[in-house]
């Protein structure tokens, strides 16, 4: 998967999905610990979030190799997977900075 358009789309979709899975997990944790009614939300969204988290890390490594990200950019992309919703913020910033575009050296 070295097509920059596909990698960009893959990264953006996974980053958004990771943020959404955080929301589901947070809602599930709220329901589990505040009204203490059920653990179903955590049981459902925990594994979903885990799989999407791993997919985001894979998407980060794929984007690094496709777009020539520095180690610093790759680090911040990976770290953004830890706080809730930060992957969506990183994706917007990376896109605006042109980090999700084909490197200039390969366009020639």
PDB file of N, CA and C in Angstrom:
ATOM      1  N   UNK A   1       0.855  -1.177   0.000  1.00  0.00           N
ATOM      2  CA  UNK A   1       0.000   0.000   0.000  1.00  0.00           C
ATOM      3  C   UNK A   1       0.899   1.237   0.000  1.00  0.00           C
ATOM      4  N   UNK A   2       1.471   1.554  -1.134  1.00  0.00           N
ATOM      5  CA  UNK A   2       2.337   2.733  -1.232  1.00  0.00           C
ATOM      6  C   UNK A   2       1.702   3.874  -2.003  1.00  0.00           C
ATOM      7  N   UNK A   3       0.472   3.711  -2.432  1.00  0.00           N
ATOM      8  CA  UNK A   3      -0.230   4.784  -3.121  1.00  0.00           C
ATOM      9  C   UNK A   3      -0.561   5.876  -2.102  1.00  0.00           C
ATOM     10  N   UNK A   4       0.026   7.078  -2.253  1.00  0.00           N
ATOM     11  CA  UNK A   4      -0.175   8.144  -1.253  1.00  0.00           C
ATOM     12  C   UNK A   4      -1.637   8.499  -1.003  1.00  0.00           C
ATOM     13  N   UNK A   5      -2.461   8.450  -2.023  1.00  0.00           N
ATOM     14  CA  UNK A   5      -3.877   8.789  -1.844  1.00  0.00           C
ATOM     15  C   UNK A   5      -4.555   7.756  -0.950  1.00  0.00           C
ATOM     16  N   UNK A   6      -4.261   6.487  -1.188  1.00  0.00           N
ATOM     17  CA  UNK A   6      -4.858   5.419  -0.377  1.00  0.00           C
ATOM     18  C   UNK A   6      -4.337   5.453   1.058  1.00  0.00           C
ATOM     19  N   UNK A   7      -3.038   5.709   1.209  1.00  0.00           N
ATOM     20  CA  UNK A   7      -2.458   5.772   2.550  1.00  0.00           C
ATOM     21  C   UNK A   7      -3.049   6.949   3.318  1.00  0.00           C
ATOM     22  N   UNK A   8      -3.196   8.088   2.656  1.00  0.00           N
ATOM     23  CA  UNK A   8      -3.790   9.272   3.298  1.00  0.00           C
ATOM     24  C   UNK A   8      -5.215   8.967   3.755  1.00  0.00           C
ATOM     25  N   UNK A   9      -5.997   8.354   2.885  1.00  0.00           N
ATOM     26  CA  UNK A   9      -7.378   8.005   3.226  1.00  0.00           C
ATOM     27  C   UNK A   9      -7.413   6.993   4.374  1.00  0.00           C
ATOM     28  N   UNK A  10      -6.569   5.967   4.292  1.00  0.00           N
ATOM     29  CA  UNK A  10      -6.486   4.954   5.338  1.00  0.00           C
ATOM     30  C   UNK A  10      -6.147   5.601   6.680  1.00  0.00           C
ATOM     31  N   UNK A  11      -5.137   6.469   6.695  1.00  0.00           N
ATOM     32  CA  UNK A  11      -4.731   7.119   7.938  1.00  0.00           C
ATOM     33  C   UNK A  11      -5.848   7.982   8.499  1.00  0.00           C
ATOM     34  N   UNK A  12      -6.487   8.776   7.646  1.00  0.00           N
ATOM     35  CA  UNK A  12      -7.539   9.676   8.107  1.00  0.00           C
ATOM     36  C   UNK A  12      -8.737   8.901   8.660  1.00  0.00           C
ATOM     37  N   UNK A  13      -9.142   7.842   7.988  1.00  0.00           N
ATOM     38  CA  UNK A  13     -10.290   7.045   8.434  1.00  0.00           C
ATOM     39  C   UNK A  13      -9.981   6.366   9.766  1.00  0.00           C
ATOM     40  N   UNK A  14      -8.802   5.768   9.880  1.00  0.00           N
ATOM     41  CA  UNK A  14      -8.430   5.074  11.101  1.00  0.00           C
ATOM     42  C   UNK A  14      -8.282   6.068  12.266  1.00  0.00           C
ATOM     43  N   UNK A  15      -7.709   7.250  12.001  1.00  0.00           N
ATOM     44  CA  UNK A  15      -7.556   8.259  13.058  1.00  0.00           C
ATOM     45  C   UNK A  15      -8.928   8.679  13.590  1.00  0.00           C
ATOM     46  N   UNK A  16      -9.887   8.879  12.694  1.00  0.00           N
ATOM     47  CA  UNK A  16     -11.237   9.260  13.108  1.00  0.00           C
ATOM     48  C   UNK A  16     -11.930   8.109  13.847  1.00  0.00           C
ATOM     49  N   UNK A  17     -11.755   6.886  13.331  1.00  0.00           N
ATOM     50  CA  UNK A  17     -12.361   5.722  13.981  1.00  0.00           C
ATOM     51  C   UNK A  17     -11.788   5.513  15.382  1.00  0.00           C
ATOM     52  N   UNK A  18     -10.489   5.764  15.546  1.00  0.00           N
ATOM     53  CA  UNK A  18      -9.860   5.614  16.857  1.00  0.00           C
ATOM     54  C   UNK A  18     -10.468   6.613  17.849  1.00  0.00           C
ATOM     55  N   UNK A  19     -10.690   7.837  17.399  1.00  0.00           N
ATOM     56  CA  UNK A  19     -11.319   8.844  18.253  1.00  0.00           C
ATOM     57  C   UNK A  19     -12.758   8.442  18.604  1.00  0.00           C
ATOM     58  N   UNK A  20     -13.488   7.917  17.640  1.00  0.00           N
ATOM     59  CA  UNK A  20     -14.866   7.478  17.899  1.00  0.00           C
ATOM     60  C   UNK A  20     -14.903   6.290  18.858  1.00  0.00           C
ATOM     61  N   UNK A  21     -13.954   5.378  18.716  1.00  0.00           N
ATOM     62  CA  UNK A  21     -13.926   4.225  19.619  1.00  0.00           C
ATOM     63  C   UNK A  21     -13.594   4.667  21.045  1.00  0.00           C
ATOM     64  N   UNK A  22     -12.796   5.732  21.169  1.00  0.00           N
ATOM     65  CA  UNK A  22     -12.545   6.310  22.501  1.00  0.00           C
ATOM     66  C   UNK A  22     -13.859   6.783  23.113  1.00  0.00           C
ATOM     67  N   UNK A  23     -14.674   7.452  22.299  1.00  0.00           N
ATOM     68  CA  UNK A  23     -15.957   7.945  22.794  1.00  0.00           C
ATOM     69  C   UNK A  23     -16.819   6.795  23.305  1.00  0.00           C
ATOM     70  N   UNK A  24     -16.916   5.738  22.513  1.00  0.00           N
ATOM     71  CA  UNK A  24     -17.696   4.578  22.938  1.00  0.00           C
ATOM     72  C   UNK A  24     -17.168   3.972  24.225  1.00  0.00           C
ATOM     73  N   UNK A  25     -15.852   3.866  24.324  1.00  0.00           N
ATOM     74  CA  UNK A  25     -15.256   3.305  25.536  1.00  0.00           C
ATOM     75  C   UNK A  25     -15.492   4.206  26.748  1.00  0.00           C
ATOM     76  N   UNK A  26     -15.369   5.514  26.560  1.00  0.00           N
ATOM     77  CA  UNK A  26     -15.616   6.436  27.673  1.00  0.00           C
ATOM     78  C   UNK A  26     -17.067   6.384  28.151  1.00  0.00           C
ATOM     79  N   UNK A  27     -17.993   6.294  27.208  1.00  0.00           N
ATOM     80  CA  UNK A  27     -19.408   6.161  27.575  1.00  0.00           C
ATOM     81  C   UNK A  27     -19.625   4.849  28.325  1.00  0.00           C
ATOM     82  N   UNK A  28     -19.027   3.777  27.825  1.00  0.00           N
ATOM     83  CA  UNK A  28     -19.141   2.480  28.500  1.00  0.00           C
ATOM     84  C   UNK A  28     -18.572   2.518  29.906  1.00  0.00           C
ATOM     85  N   UNK A  29     -17.438   3.197  30.084  1.00  0.00           N
ATOM     86  CA  UNK A  29     -16.836   3.309  31.420  1.00  0.00           C
ATOM     87  C   UNK A  29     -17.707   4.156  32.342  1.00  0.00           C
ATOM     88  N   UNK A  30     -18.295   5.207  31.799  1.00  0.00           N
ATOM     89  CA  UNK A  30     -19.200   6.033  32.608  1.00  0.00           C
ATOM     90  C   UNK A  30     -20.364   5.185  33.127  1.00  0.00           C
ATOM     91  N   UNK A  31     -20.984   4.438  32.209  1.00  0.00           N
ATOM     92  CA  UNK A  31     -22.138   3.611  32.588  1.00  0.00           C
ATOM     93  C   UNK A  31     -21.729   2.531  33.591  1.00  0.00           C
ATOM     94  N   UNK A  32     -20.526   1.999  33.424  1.00  0.00           N
ATOM     95  CA  UNK A  32     -20.060   0.954  34.338  1.00  0.00           C
ATOM     96  C   UNK A  32     -19.784   1.494  35.742  1.00  0.00           C
ATOM     97  N   UNK A  33     -19.169   2.679  35.825  1.00  0.00           N
ATOM     98  CA  UNK A  33     -18.693   3.152  37.126  1.00  0.00           C
ATOM     99  C   UNK A  33     -19.569   4.204  37.808  1.00  0.00           C
ATOM    100  N   UNK A  34     -20.382   4.955  37.059  1.00  0.00           N
ATOM    101  CA  UNK A  34     -21.179   5.993  37.709  1.00  0.00           C
ATOM    102  C   UNK A  34     -22.542   5.440  38.140  1.00  0.00           C
ATOM    103  N   UNK A  35     -23.429   5.105  37.204  1.00  0.00           N
ATOM    104  CA  UNK A  35     -24.684   4.521  37.691  1.00  0.00           C
ATOM    105  C   UNK A  35     -24.540   3.035  38.055  1.00  0.00           C
ATOM    106  N   UNK A  36     -23.405   2.444  37.670  1.00  0.00           N
ATOM    107  CA  UNK A  36     -23.109   1.038  37.960  1.00  0.00           C
ATOM    108  C   UNK A  36     -24.236   0.103  37.523  1.00  0.00           C
ATOM    109  N   UNK A  37     -24.705   0.305  36.282  1.00  0.00           N
ATOM    110  CA  UNK A  37     -25.805  -0.521  35.800  1.00  0.00           C
ATOM    111  C   UNK A  37     -25.333  -1.728  34.989  1.00  0.00           C
ATOM    112  N   UNK A  38     -24.311  -1.542  34.145  1.00  0.00           N
ATOM    113  CA  UNK A  38     -23.870  -2.652  33.300  1.00  0.00           C
ATOM    114  C   UNK A  38     -22.422  -2.450  32.853  1.00  0.00           C
ATOM    115  N   UNK A  39     -21.777  -3.551  32.548  1.00  0.00           N
ATOM    116  CA  UNK A  39     -20.423  -3.522  32.008  1.00  0.00           C
ATOM    117  C   UNK A  39     -20.423  -3.722  30.498  1.00  0.00           C
ATOM    118  N   UNK A  40     -21.584  -3.803  29.907  1.00  0.00           N
ATOM    119  CA  UNK A  40     -21.703  -4.142  28.488  1.00  0.00           C
ATOM    120  C   UNK A  40     -20.941  -3.169  27.591  1.00  0.00           C
ATOM    121  N   UNK A  41     -20.997  -1.882  27.894  1.00  0.00           N
ATOM    122  CA  UNK A  41     -20.305  -0.895  27.062  1.00  0.00           C
ATOM    123  C   UNK A  41     -18.816  -1.110  27.024  1.00  0.00           C
ATOM    124  N   UNK A  42     -18.229  -1.436  28.161  1.00  0.00           N
ATOM    125  CA  UNK A  42     -16.789  -1.690  28.228  1.00  0.00           C
ATOM    126  C   UNK A  42     -16.463  -3.004  27.530  1.00  0.00           C
ATOM    127  N   UNK A  43     -17.307  -4.009  27.718  1.00  0.00           N
ATOM    128  CA  UNK A  43     -17.076  -5.304  27.075  1.00  0.00           C
ATOM    129  C   UNK A  43     -17.176  -5.211  25.551  1.00  0.00           C
ATOM    130  N   UNK A  44     -18.013  -4.318  25.067  1.00  0.00           N
ATOM    131  CA  UNK A  44     -18.168  -4.143  23.623  1.00  0.00           C
ATOM    132  C   UNK A  44     -17.084  -3.223  23.068  1.00  0.00           C
ATOM    133  N   UNK A  45     -16.952  -2.032  23.654  1.00  0.00           N
ATOM    134  CA  UNK A  45     -16.049  -1.036  23.083  1.00  0.00           C
ATOM    135  C   UNK A  45     -14.581  -1.235  23.461  1.00  0.00           C
ATOM    136  N   UNK A  46     -14.306  -1.978  24.521  1.00  0.00           N
ATOM    137  CA  UNK A  46     -12.912  -2.242  24.886  1.00  0.00           C
ATOM    138  C   UNK A  46     -12.155  -2.954  23.774  1.00  0.00           C
ATOM    139  N   UNK A  47     -12.647  -4.112  23.328  1.00  0.00           N
ATOM    140  CA  UNK A  47     -11.964  -4.817  22.234  1.00  0.00           C
ATOM    141  C   UNK A  47     -11.975  -4.046  20.908  1.00  0.00           C
ATOM    142  N   UNK A  48     -13.083  -3.358  20.633  1.00  0.00           N
ATOM    143  CA  UNK A  48     -13.151  -2.563  19.399  1.00  0.00           C
ATOM    144  C   UNK A  48     -12.079  -1.486  19.427  1.00  0.00           C
ATOM    145  N   UNK A  49     -11.980  -0.789  20.541  1.00  0.00           N
ATOM    146  CA  UNK A  49     -10.971   0.257  20.673  1.00  0.00           C
ATOM    147  C   UNK A  49      -9.561  -0.333  20.567  1.00  0.00           C
ATOM    148  N   UNK A  50      -9.345  -1.478  21.158  1.00  0.00           N
ATOM    149  CA  UNK A  50      -8.032  -2.120  21.090  1.00  0.00           C
ATOM    150  C   UNK A  50      -7.608  -2.438  19.672  1.00  0.00           C
ATOM    151  N   UNK A  51      -8.513  -2.988  18.897  1.00  0.00           N
ATOM    152  CA  UNK A  51      -8.201  -3.327  17.497  1.00  0.00           C
ATOM    153  C   UNK A  51      -7.953  -2.065  16.680  1.00  0.00           C
ATOM    154  N   UNK A  52      -8.782  -1.053  16.871  1.00  0.00           N
ATOM    155  CA  UNK A  52      -8.610   0.190  16.110  1.00  0.00           C
ATOM    156  C   UNK A  52      -7.338   0.913  16.548  1.00  0.00           C
ATOM    157  N   UNK A  53      -6.988   0.837  17.822  1.00  0.00           N
ATOM    158  CA  UNK A  53      -5.731   1.402  18.320  1.00  0.00           C
ATOM    159  C   UNK A  53      -4.542   0.765  17.591  1.00  0.00           C
ATOM    160  N   UNK A  54      -4.544  -0.555  17.486  1.00  0.00           N
ATOM    161  CA  UNK A  54      -3.462  -1.238  16.773  1.00  0.00           C
ATOM    162  C   UNK A  54      -3.457  -0.876  15.287  1.00  0.00           C
ATOM    163  N   UNK A  55      -4.638  -0.756  14.697  1.00  0.00           N
ATOM    164  CA  UNK A  55      -4.723  -0.349  13.289  1.00  0.00           C
ATOM    165  C   UNK A  55      -4.180   1.061  13.102  1.00  0.00           C
ATOM    166  N   UNK A  56      -4.414   1.937  14.075  1.00  0.00           N
ATOM    167  CA  UNK A  56      -3.886   3.306  13.994  1.00  0.00           C
ATOM    168  C   UNK A  56      -2.362   3.295  14.046  1.00  0.00           C
ATOM    169  N   UNK A  57      -1.795   2.479  14.912  1.00  0.00           N
ATOM    170  CA  UNK A  57      -0.329   2.391  14.963  1.00  0.00           C
ATOM    171  C   UNK A  57       0.222   1.860  13.645  1.00  0.00           C
ATOM    172  N   UNK A  58      -0.447   0.890  13.042  1.00  0.00           N
ATOM    173  CA  UNK A  58      -0.052   0.387  11.721  1.00  0.00           C
ATOM    174  C   UNK A  58      -0.185   1.488  10.672  1.00  0.00           C
ATOM    175  N   UNK A  59      -1.266   2.244  10.726  1.00  0.00           N
ATOM    176  CA  UNK A  59      -1.467   3.347   9.784  1.00  0.00           C
ATOM    177  C   UNK A  59      -0.386   4.406   9.960  1.00  0.00           C
ATOM    178  N   UNK A  60       0.035   4.641  11.190  1.00  0.00           N
ATOM    179  CA  UNK A  60       1.100   5.608  11.462  1.00  0.00           C
ATOM    180  C   UNK A  60       2.408   5.154  10.821  1.00  0.00           C
ATOM    181  N   UNK A  61       2.749   3.890  10.983  1.00  0.00           N
ATOM    182  CA  UNK A  61       3.987   3.373  10.384  1.00  0.00           C
ATOM    183  C   UNK A  61       3.915   3.375   8.857  1.00  0.00           C
ATOM    184  N   UNK A  62       2.741   3.079   8.325  1.00  0.00           N
ATOM    185  CA  UNK A  62       2.555   3.113   6.873  1.00  0.00           C
ATOM    186  C   UNK A  62       2.695   4.540   6.356  1.00  0.00           C
ATOM    187  N   UNK A  63       2.087   5.492   7.049  1.00  0.00           N
ATOM    188  CA  UNK A  63       2.198   6.900   6.642  1.00  0.00           C
ATOM    189  C   UNK A  63       3.641   7.374   6.739  1.00  0.00           C
ATOM    190  N   UNK A  64       4.343   6.939   7.764  1.00  0.00           N
ATOM    191  CA  UNK A  64       5.752   7.327   7.925  1.00  0.00           C
ATOM    192  C   UNK A  64       6.566   6.890   6.717  1.00  0.00           C
ATOM    193  N   UNK A  65       6.377   5.651   6.296  1.00  0.00           N
ATOM    194  CA  UNK A  65       7.172   5.160   5.167  1.00  0.00           C
ATOM    195  C   UNK A  65       6.712   5.789   3.847  1.00  0.00           C
ATOM    196  N   UNK A  66       5.427   6.056   3.707  1.00  0.00           N
ATOM    197  CA  UNK A  66       4.911   6.620   2.458  1.00  0.00           C
ATOM    198  C   UNK A  66       5.243   8.102   2.308  1.00  0.00           C
ATOM    199  N   UNK A  67       5.101   8.856   3.394  1.00  0.00           N
ATOM    200  CA  UNK A  67       5.258  10.304   3.317  1.00  0.00           C
ATOM    201  C   UNK A  67       6.600  10.803   3.842  1.00  0.00           C
ATOM    202  N   UNK A  68       7.450   9.886   4.282  1.00  0.00           N
ATOM    203  CA  UNK A  68       8.771  10.277   4.736  1.00  0.00           C
ATOM    204  C   UNK A  68       8.771  11.074   6.027  1.00  0.00           C
ATOM    205  N   UNK A  69       7.890  10.698   6.955  1.00  0.00           N
ATOM    206  CA  UNK A  69       7.815  11.407   8.224  1.00  0.00           C
ATOM    207  C   UNK A  69       9.114  11.256   9.006  1.00  0.00           C
ATOM    208  N   UNK A  70       9.458  12.289   9.731  1.00  0.00           N
ATOM    209  CA  UNK A  70      10.610  12.234  10.627  1.00  0.00           C
ATOM    210  C   UNK A  70      10.250  11.372  11.835  1.00  0.00           C
ATOM    211  N   UNK A  71      11.264  11.016  12.592  1.00  0.00           N
ATOM    212  CA  UNK A  71      11.035  10.254  13.813  1.00  0.00           C
ATOM    213  C   UNK A  71      10.178  11.061  14.792  1.00  0.00           C
ATOM    214  N   UNK A  72      10.386  12.365  14.821  1.00  0.00           N
ATOM    215  CA  UNK A  72       9.614  13.239  15.711  1.00  0.00           C
ATOM    216  C   UNK A  72       8.124  13.235  15.347  1.00  0.00           C
ATOM    217  N   UNK A  73       7.825  13.369  14.069  1.00  0.00           N
ATOM    218  CA  UNK A  73       6.426  13.355  13.618  1.00  0.00           C
ATOM    219  C   UNK A  73       5.793  12.005  13.918  1.00  0.00           C
ATOM    220  N   UNK A  74       6.529  10.936  13.656  1.00  0.00           N
ATOM    221  CA  UNK A  74       6.028   9.592  13.932  1.00  0.00           C
ATOM    222  C   UNK A  74       5.760   9.414  15.423  1.00  0.00           C
ATOM    223  N   UNK A  75       6.653   9.930  16.245  1.00  0.00           N
ATOM    224  CA  UNK A  75       6.479   9.861  17.696  1.00  0.00           C
ATOM    225  C   UNK A  75       5.188  10.558  18.115  1.00  0.00           C
ATOM    226  N   UNK A  76       4.976  11.783  17.618  1.00  0.00           N
ATOM    227  CA  UNK A  76       3.772  12.529  18.011  1.00  0.00           C
ATOM    228  C   UNK A  76       2.504  11.883  17.471  1.00  0.00           C
ATOM    229  N   UNK A  77       2.588  11.277  16.298  1.00  0.00           N
ATOM    230  CA  UNK A  77       1.430  10.551  15.766  1.00  0.00           C
ATOM    231  C   UNK A  77       1.083   9.379  16.679  1.00  0.00           C
ATOM    232  N   UNK A  78       2.109   8.640  17.114  1.00  0.00           N
ATOM    233  CA  UNK A  78       1.874   7.499  17.997  1.00  0.00           C
ATOM    234  C   UNK A  78       1.370   7.949  19.362  1.00  0.00           C
ATOM    235  N   UNK A  79       1.965   8.987  19.917  1.00  0.00           N
ATOM    236  CA  UNK A  79       1.553   9.493  21.237  1.00  0.00           C
ATOM    237  C   UNK A  79       0.115  10.010  21.197  1.00  0.00           C
ATOM    238  N   UNK A  80      -0.314  10.516  20.047  1.00  0.00           N
ATOM    239  CA  UNK A  80      -1.685  11.045  19.955  1.00  0.00           C
ATOM    240  C   UNK A  80      -2.737   9.950  20.108  1.00  0.00           C
ATOM    241  N   UNK A  81      -2.324   8.697  20.053  1.00  0.00           N
ATOM    242  CA  UNK A  81      -3.288   7.611  20.223  1.00  0.00           C
ATOM    243  C   UNK A  81      -3.638   7.371  21.695  1.00  0.00           C
ATOM    244  N   UNK A  82      -2.918   8.019  22.599  1.00  0.00           N
ATOM    245  CA  UNK A  82      -3.139   7.768  24.028  1.00  0.00           C
ATOM    246  C   UNK A  82      -4.252   8.645  24.610  1.00  0.00           C
ATOM    247  N   UNK A  83      -4.188   9.979  24.481  1.00  0.00           N
ATOM    248  CA  UNK A  83      -5.303  10.769  25.030  1.00  0.00           C
ATOM    249  C   UNK A  83      -6.557  10.645  24.148  1.00  0.00           C
ATOM    250  N   UNK A  84      -7.722  10.654  24.758  1.00  0.00           N
ATOM    251  CA  UNK A  84      -8.951  10.575  23.961  1.00  0.00           C
ATOM    252  C   UNK A  84      -9.034  11.685  22.903  1.00  0.00           C
ATOM    253  N   UNK A  85      -9.407  11.303  21.703  1.00  0.00           N
ATOM    254  CA  UNK A  85      -9.696  12.190  20.572  1.00  0.00           C
ATOM    255  C   UNK A  85      -8.461  12.859  19.960  1.00  0.00           C
ATOM    256  N   UNK A  86      -7.273  12.616  20.483  1.00  0.00           N
ATOM    257  CA  UNK A  86      -6.073  13.294  19.979  1.00  0.00           C
ATOM    258  C   UNK A  86      -5.681  12.828  18.582  1.00  0.00           C
ATOM    259  N   UNK A  87      -6.065  11.618  18.195  1.00  0.00           N
ATOM    260  CA  UNK A  87      -5.736  11.170  16.836  1.00  0.00           C
ATOM    261  C   UNK A  87      -6.454  12.025  15.796  1.00  0.00           C
ATOM    262  N   UNK A  88      -7.689  12.411  16.095  1.00  0.00           N
ATOM    263  CA  UNK A  88      -8.423  13.271  15.167  1.00  0.00           C
ATOM    264  C   UNK A  88      -7.753  14.635  15.065  1.00  0.00           C
ATOM    265  N   UNK A  89      -7.282  15.160  16.187  1.00  0.00           N
ATOM    266  CA  UNK A  89      -6.584  16.447  16.184  1.00  0.00           C
ATOM    267  C   UNK A  89      -5.277  16.324  15.411  1.00  0.00           C
ATOM    268  N   UNK A  90      -4.518  15.260  15.668  1.00  0.00           N
ATOM    269  CA  UNK A  90      -3.255  15.067  14.947  1.00  0.00           C
ATOM    270  C   UNK A  90      -3.509  14.966  13.445  1.00  0.00           C
ATOM    271  N   UNK A  91      -4.523  14.242  13.058  1.00  0.00           N
ATOM    272  CA  UNK A  91      -4.829  14.065  11.632  1.00  0.00           C
ATOM    273  C   UNK A  91      -5.121  15.402  10.963  1.00  0.00           C
ATOM    274  N   UNK A  92      -5.899  16.258  11.604  1.00  0.00           N
ATOM    275  CA  UNK A  92      -6.221  17.573  11.037  1.00  0.00           C
ATOM    276  C   UNK A  92      -4.952  18.415  10.909  1.00  0.00           C
ATOM    277  N   UNK A  93      -4.153  18.443  11.956  1.00  0.00           N
ATOM    278  CA  UNK A  93      -2.912  19.228  11.930  1.00  0.00           C
ATOM    279  C   UNK A  93      -1.961  18.687  10.870  1.00  0.00           C
ATOM    280  N   UNK A  94      -1.804  17.369  10.813  1.00  0.00           N
ATOM    281  CA  UNK A  94      -0.904  16.762   9.826  1.00  0.00           C
ATOM    282  C   UNK A  94      -1.368  17.063   8.410  1.00  0.00           C
ATOM    283  N   UNK A  95      -2.662  17.004   8.179  1.00  0.00           N
ATOM    284  CA  UNK A  95      -3.180  17.289   6.841  1.00  0.00           C
ATOM    285  C   UNK A  95      -2.952  18.752   6.464  1.00  0.00           C
ATOM    286  N   UNK A  96      -3.192  19.655   7.403  1.00  0.00           N
ATOM    287  CA  UNK A  96      -2.990  21.085   7.121  1.00  0.00           C
ATOM    288  C   UNK A  96      -1.531  21.433   6.883  1.00  0.00           C
ATOM    289  N   UNK A  97      -0.631  20.710   7.540  1.00  0.00           N
ATOM    290  CA  UNK A  97       0.801  20.953   7.367  1.00  0.00           C
ATOM    291  C   UNK A  97       1.376  20.233   6.147  1.00  0.00           C
ATOM    292  N   UNK A  98       0.546  19.485   5.438  1.00  0.00           N
ATOM    293  CA  UNK A  98       1.007  18.772   4.257  1.00  0.00           C
ATOM    294  C   UNK A  98       1.724  17.476   4.555  1.00  0.00           C
ATOM    295  N   UNK A  99       1.599  16.989   5.788  1.00  0.00           N
ATOM    296  CA  UNK A  99       2.278  15.743   6.155  1.00  0.00           C
ATOM    297  C   UNK A  99       1.592  14.515   5.596  1.00  0.00           C
ATOM    298  N   UNK A 100       0.403  14.693   5.060  1.00  0.00           N
ATOM    299  CA  UNK A 100      -0.309  13.570   4.452  1.00  0.00           C
ATOM    300  C   UNK A 100      -0.344  13.727   2.935  1.00  0.00           C
ATOM    301  N   UNK A 101       0.720  14.341   2.413  1.00  0.00           N
ATOM    302  CA  UNK A 101       0.871  14.523   0.980  1.00  0.00           C
ATOM    303  C   UNK A 101       2.167  13.849   0.553  1.00  0.00           C
ATOM    304  N   UNK A 102       2.212  13.499  -0.687  1.00  0.00           N
ATOM    305  CA  UNK A 102       3.412  12.857  -1.232  1.00  0.00           C
ATOM    306  C   UNK A 102       4.617  13.788  -1.053  1.00  0.00           C
ATOM    307  N   UNK A 103       5.750  13.265  -0.571  1.00  0.00           N
ATOM    308  CA  UNK A 103       6.944  14.101  -0.415  1.00  0.00           C
ATOM    309  C   UNK A 103       7.372  14.720  -1.741  1.00  0.00           C
ATOM    310  N   UNK A 104       7.853  15.946  -1.709  1.00  0.00           N
ATOM    311  CA  UNK A 104       8.255  16.661  -2.926  1.00  0.00           C
ATOM    312  C   UNK A 104       9.306  15.915  -3.716  1.00  0.00           C
ATOM    313  N   UNK A 105      10.202  15.200  -3.054  1.00  0.00           N
ATOM    314  CA  UNK A 105      11.298  14.498  -3.730  1.00  0.00           C
ATOM    315  C   UNK A 105      10.772  13.382  -4.631  1.00  0.00           C
ATOM    316  N   UNK A 106       9.621  12.789  -4.300  1.00  0.00           N
ATOM    317  CA  UNK A 106       9.104  11.690  -5.102  1.00  0.00           C
ATOM    318  C   UNK A 106       8.158  12.153  -6.210  1.00  0.00           C
ATOM    319  N   UNK A 107       7.751  13.419  -6.187  1.00  0.00           N
ATOM    320  CA  UNK A 107       6.829  13.931  -7.212  1.00  0.00           C
ATOM    321  C   UNK A 107       7.542  14.210  -8.532  1.00  0.00           C
ATOM    322  N   UNK A 108       8.825  14.436  -8.515  1.00  0.00           N
ATOM    323  CA  UNK A 108       9.578  14.828  -9.716  1.00  0.00           C
ATOM    324  C   UNK A 108       9.732  13.741 -10.705  1.00  0.00           C
TER     325      UNK A 108
END
